[in-house]
Amino acid sequence: MVIPAMSLLFKILPEDTWESAKKAGKFEGSPLDRSDGFIHLSAADQVRETAARHFAGQAGLVLVAIDSEALGDSLKWEPSRGGALFPHIYGDLPLAAVRWVKPLPMTNGRHQFPEETFA
């Protein structure tokens, strides 16, 4: 299994969920994350599909950019149902690993990603 070399990974969240995580000093995962036992992330080449598939039509979201190297051994790349490798965090997301957080606005029913996502 070849692990992708990435520096930034991404998490899409409702803005109020992110605000709660900032107050708590860590992100413990969404209800789905906690149910699955890990925090779901996306690589830059996966995040648009993640938004379309799991957040279609949802406004009020933020895109959280995470430094993969800061996650250490808690980061695992695992195959999805379709076989593609996706990044997962086993444990909490430490806020120190977050590089930036930006709004994920909607235009004509589609999320508009900041250019830094793909740099």
C-alpha atoms as a PDB file:
ATOM      1  CA  MET A   1       0.000   0.000   0.000  1.00  0.00           C
ATOM      2  CA  VAL A   2       1.468   3.356  -1.061  1.00  0.00           C
ATOM      3  CA  ILE A   3       0.750   6.184   1.350  1.00  0.00           C
ATOM      4  CA  PRO A   4       0.181   9.512  -0.433  1.00  0.00           C
ATOM      5  CA  ALA A   5       2.714  12.244   0.354  1.00  0.00           C
ATOM      6  CA  MET A   6       0.590  15.189   1.467  1.00  0.00           C
ATOM      7  CA  SER A   7       1.270  18.167   3.629  1.00  0.00           C
ATOM      8  CA  LEU A   8      -2.273  19.554   3.945  1.00  0.00           C
ATOM      9  CA  LEU A   9      -5.363  17.496   4.657  1.00  0.00           C
ATOM     10  CA  PHE A  10      -8.898  18.829   5.007  1.00  0.00           C
ATOM     11  CA  LYS A  11     -11.966  18.568   7.207  1.00  0.00           C
ATOM     12  CA  ILE A  12     -15.323  20.126   6.307  1.00  0.00           C
ATOM     13  CA  LEU A  13     -17.398  21.206   9.288  1.00  0.00           C
ATOM     14  CA  PRO A  14     -20.355  23.378  10.165  1.00  0.00           C
ATOM     15  CA  GLU A  15     -19.010  26.707  11.395  1.00  0.00           C
ATOM     16  CA  ASP A  16     -20.659  26.334  14.818  1.00  0.00           C
ATOM     17  CA  THR A  17     -18.999  22.927  15.288  1.00  0.00           C
ATOM     18  CA  TRP A  18     -15.620  24.510  14.578  1.00  0.00           C
ATOM     19  CA  GLU A  19     -16.338  27.326  17.034  1.00  0.00           C
ATOM     20  CA  SER A  20     -17.129  24.724  19.717  1.00  0.00           C
ATOM     21  CA  ALA A  21     -13.877  22.897  18.961  1.00  0.00           C
ATOM     22  CA  LYS A  22     -11.900  26.138  19.340  1.00  0.00           C
ATOM     23  CA  LYS A  23     -13.483  26.726  22.746  1.00  0.00           C
ATOM     24  CA  ALA A  24     -12.695  23.145  23.788  1.00  0.00           C
ATOM     25  CA  GLY A  25      -9.116  23.401  22.487  1.00  0.00           C
ATOM     26  CA  LYS A  26      -9.503  20.283  20.316  1.00  0.00           C
ATOM     27  CA  PHE A  27     -11.838  18.656  17.839  1.00  0.00           C
ATOM     28  CA  GLU A  28     -13.133  15.293  19.013  1.00  0.00           C
ATOM     29  CA  GLY A  29     -14.937  14.492  15.773  1.00  0.00           C
ATOM     30  CA  SER A  30     -18.429  14.731  14.371  1.00  0.00           C
ATOM     31  CA  PRO A  31     -21.109  12.263  15.465  1.00  0.00           C
ATOM     32  CA  LEU A  32     -20.241  10.155  12.383  1.00  0.00           C
ATOM     33  CA  ASP A  33     -16.525  10.331  13.196  1.00  0.00           C
ATOM     34  CA  ARG A  34     -17.122   9.189  16.769  1.00  0.00           C
ATOM     35  CA  SER A  35     -19.400   6.391  15.564  1.00  0.00           C
ATOM     36  CA  ASP A  36     -16.725   5.175  13.120  1.00  0.00           C
ATOM     37  CA  GLY A  37     -13.941   5.454  15.717  1.00  0.00           C
ATOM     38  CA  PHE A  38     -11.813   7.967  13.805  1.00  0.00           C
ATOM     39  CA  ILE A  39     -11.982  11.463  12.308  1.00  0.00           C
ATOM     40  CA  HIS A  40     -12.567  11.421   8.553  1.00  0.00           C
ATOM     41  CA  LEU A  41     -10.309  13.723   6.516  1.00  0.00           C
ATOM     42  CA  SER A  42      -9.796  14.321   2.802  1.00  0.00           C
ATOM     43  CA  ALA A  43      -6.723  14.998   0.712  1.00  0.00           C
ATOM     44  CA  ALA A  44      -6.803  17.963  -1.686  1.00  0.00           C
ATOM     45  CA  ASP A  45      -7.768  15.726  -4.604  1.00  0.00           C
ATOM     46  CA  GLN A  46     -10.648  14.222  -2.580  1.00  0.00           C
ATOM     47  CA  VAL A  47     -12.197  17.188  -0.798  1.00  0.00           C
ATOM     48  CA  ARG A  48     -14.432  18.434  -3.628  1.00  0.00           C
ATOM     49  CA  GLU A  49     -16.050  15.011  -3.948  1.00  0.00           C
ATOM     50  CA  THR A  50     -16.403  14.811  -0.164  1.00  0.00           C
ATOM     51  CA  ALA A  51     -18.238  18.150  -0.191  1.00  0.00           C
ATOM     52  CA  ALA A  52     -20.511  17.100  -3.052  1.00  0.00           C
ATOM     53  CA  ARG A  53     -21.283  13.690  -1.608  1.00  0.00           C
ATOM     54  CA  HIS A  54     -21.631  14.432   2.110  1.00  0.00           C
ATOM     55  CA  PHE A  55     -22.384  18.170   2.322  1.00  0.00           C
ATOM     56  CA  ALA A  56     -24.455  18.861  -0.811  1.00  0.00           C
ATOM     57  CA  GLY A  57     -26.557  21.991  -0.438  1.00  0.00           C
ATOM     58  CA  GLN A  58     -25.279  22.757   3.070  1.00  0.00           C
ATOM     59  CA  ALA A  59     -24.332  26.343   3.800  1.00  0.00           C
ATOM     60  CA  GLY A  60     -22.520  27.657   6.858  1.00  0.00           C
ATOM     61  CA  LEU A  61     -19.530  25.338   6.475  1.00  0.00           C
ATOM     62  CA  VAL A  62     -15.826  25.907   6.989  1.00  0.00           C
ATOM     63  CA  LEU A  63     -12.839  24.180   5.458  1.00  0.00           C
ATOM     64  CA  VAL A  64     -10.161  23.280   7.991  1.00  0.00           C
ATOM     65  CA  ALA A  65      -6.635  22.774   6.603  1.00  0.00           C
ATOM     66  CA  ILE A  66      -4.533  20.413   8.692  1.00  0.00           C
ATOM     67  CA  ASP A  67      -0.772  19.834   8.596  1.00  0.00           C
ATOM     68  CA  SER A  68      -0.484  16.069   8.113  1.00  0.00           C
ATOM     69  CA  GLU A  69       3.019  15.964   9.593  1.00  0.00           C
ATOM     70  CA  ALA A  70       1.748  17.452  12.866  1.00  0.00           C
ATOM     71  CA  LEU A  71      -0.591  14.481  13.363  1.00  0.00           C
ATOM     72  CA  GLY A  72       2.167  11.943  13.904  1.00  0.00           C
ATOM     73  CA  ASP A  73       1.126   8.355  14.447  1.00  0.00           C
ATOM     74  CA  SER A  74      -2.546   9.269  14.904  1.00  0.00           C
ATOM     75  CA  LEU A  75      -2.832   9.658  11.085  1.00  0.00           C
ATOM     76  CA  LYS A  76      -3.622   6.505   9.142  1.00  0.00           C
ATOM     77  CA  TRP A  77      -4.344   6.130   5.417  1.00  0.00           C
ATOM     78  CA  GLU A  78      -7.008   3.505   4.874  1.00  0.00           C
ATOM     79  CA  PRO A  79      -8.993   2.266   1.882  1.00  0.00           C
ATOM     80  CA  SER A  80     -12.566   3.426   1.435  1.00  0.00           C
ATOM     81  CA  ARG A  81     -15.366   1.284   0.062  1.00  0.00           C
ATOM     82  CA  GLY A  82     -14.147   2.152  -3.436  1.00  0.00           C
ATOM     83  CA  GLY A  83     -10.532   1.288  -2.622  1.00  0.00           C
ATOM     84  CA  ALA A  84      -9.116   4.836  -2.598  1.00  0.00           C
ATOM     85  CA  LEU A  85      -6.922   5.677   0.388  1.00  0.00           C
ATOM     86  CA  PHE A  86      -8.388   8.276   2.730  1.00  0.00           C
ATOM     87  CA  PRO A  87      -6.699   9.904   5.731  1.00  0.00           C
ATOM     88  CA  HIS A  88      -8.133   9.218   9.182  1.00  0.00           C
ATOM     89  CA  ILE A  89      -7.151  10.536  12.600  1.00  0.00           C
ATOM     90  CA  TYR A  90      -7.340   8.077  15.459  1.00  0.00           C
ATOM     91  CA  GLY A  91      -7.846  10.368  18.425  1.00  0.00           C
ATOM     92  CA  ASP A  92      -8.647  14.054  18.676  1.00  0.00           C
ATOM     93  CA  LEU A  93      -7.552  16.673  16.158  1.00  0.00           C
ATOM     94  CA  PRO A  94      -5.178  18.976  18.050  1.00  0.00           C
ATOM     95  CA  LEU A  95      -5.755  22.606  17.123  1.00  0.00           C
ATOM     96  CA  ALA A  96      -1.976  23.089  16.872  1.00  0.00           C
ATOM     97  CA  ALA A  97      -2.107  20.964  13.682  1.00  0.00           C
ATOM     98  CA  VAL A  98      -4.549  23.375  12.024  1.00  0.00           C
ATOM     99  CA  ARG A  99      -2.915  25.696   9.474  1.00  0.00           C
ATOM    100  CA  TRP A 100      -5.976  27.701   8.485  1.00  0.00           C
ATOM    101  CA  VAL A 101      -9.765  27.745   8.535  1.00  0.00           C
ATOM    102  CA  LYS A 102     -11.782  29.418   5.787  1.00  0.00           C
ATOM    103  CA  PRO A 103     -15.462  29.704   4.944  1.00  0.00           C
ATOM    104  CA  LEU A 104     -16.780  27.299   2.320  1.00  0.00           C
ATOM    105  CA  PRO A 105     -19.384  29.475   0.590  1.00  0.00           C
ATOM    106  CA  MET A 106     -21.965  28.241  -1.884  1.00  0.00           C
ATOM    107  CA  THR A 107     -22.468  29.660  -5.367  1.00  0.00           C
ATOM    108  CA  ASN A 108     -25.165  28.238  -7.636  1.00  0.00           C
ATOM    109  CA  GLY A 109     -25.509  25.243  -5.314  1.00  0.00           C
ATOM    110  CA  ARG A 110     -21.793  24.353  -5.308  1.00  0.00           C
ATOM    111  CA  HIS A 111     -19.159  24.917  -2.646  1.00  0.00           C
ATOM    112  CA  GLN A 112     -16.437  27.366  -3.611  1.00  0.00           C
ATOM    113  CA  PHE A 113     -13.013  26.260  -2.390  1.00  0.00           C
ATOM    114  CA  PRO A 114     -10.164  28.656  -1.565  1.00  0.00           C
ATOM    115  CA  GLU A 115      -7.228  28.435  -3.976  1.00  0.00           C
ATOM    116  CA  GLU A 116      -4.908  27.426  -1.134  1.00  0.00           C
ATOM    117  CA  THR A 117      -6.695  24.082  -0.994  1.00  0.00           C
ATOM    118  CA  PHE A 118      -4.923  22.915  -4.103  1.00  0.00           C
ATOM    119  CA  ALA A 119      -1.594  24.745  -3.823  1.00  0.00           C
END
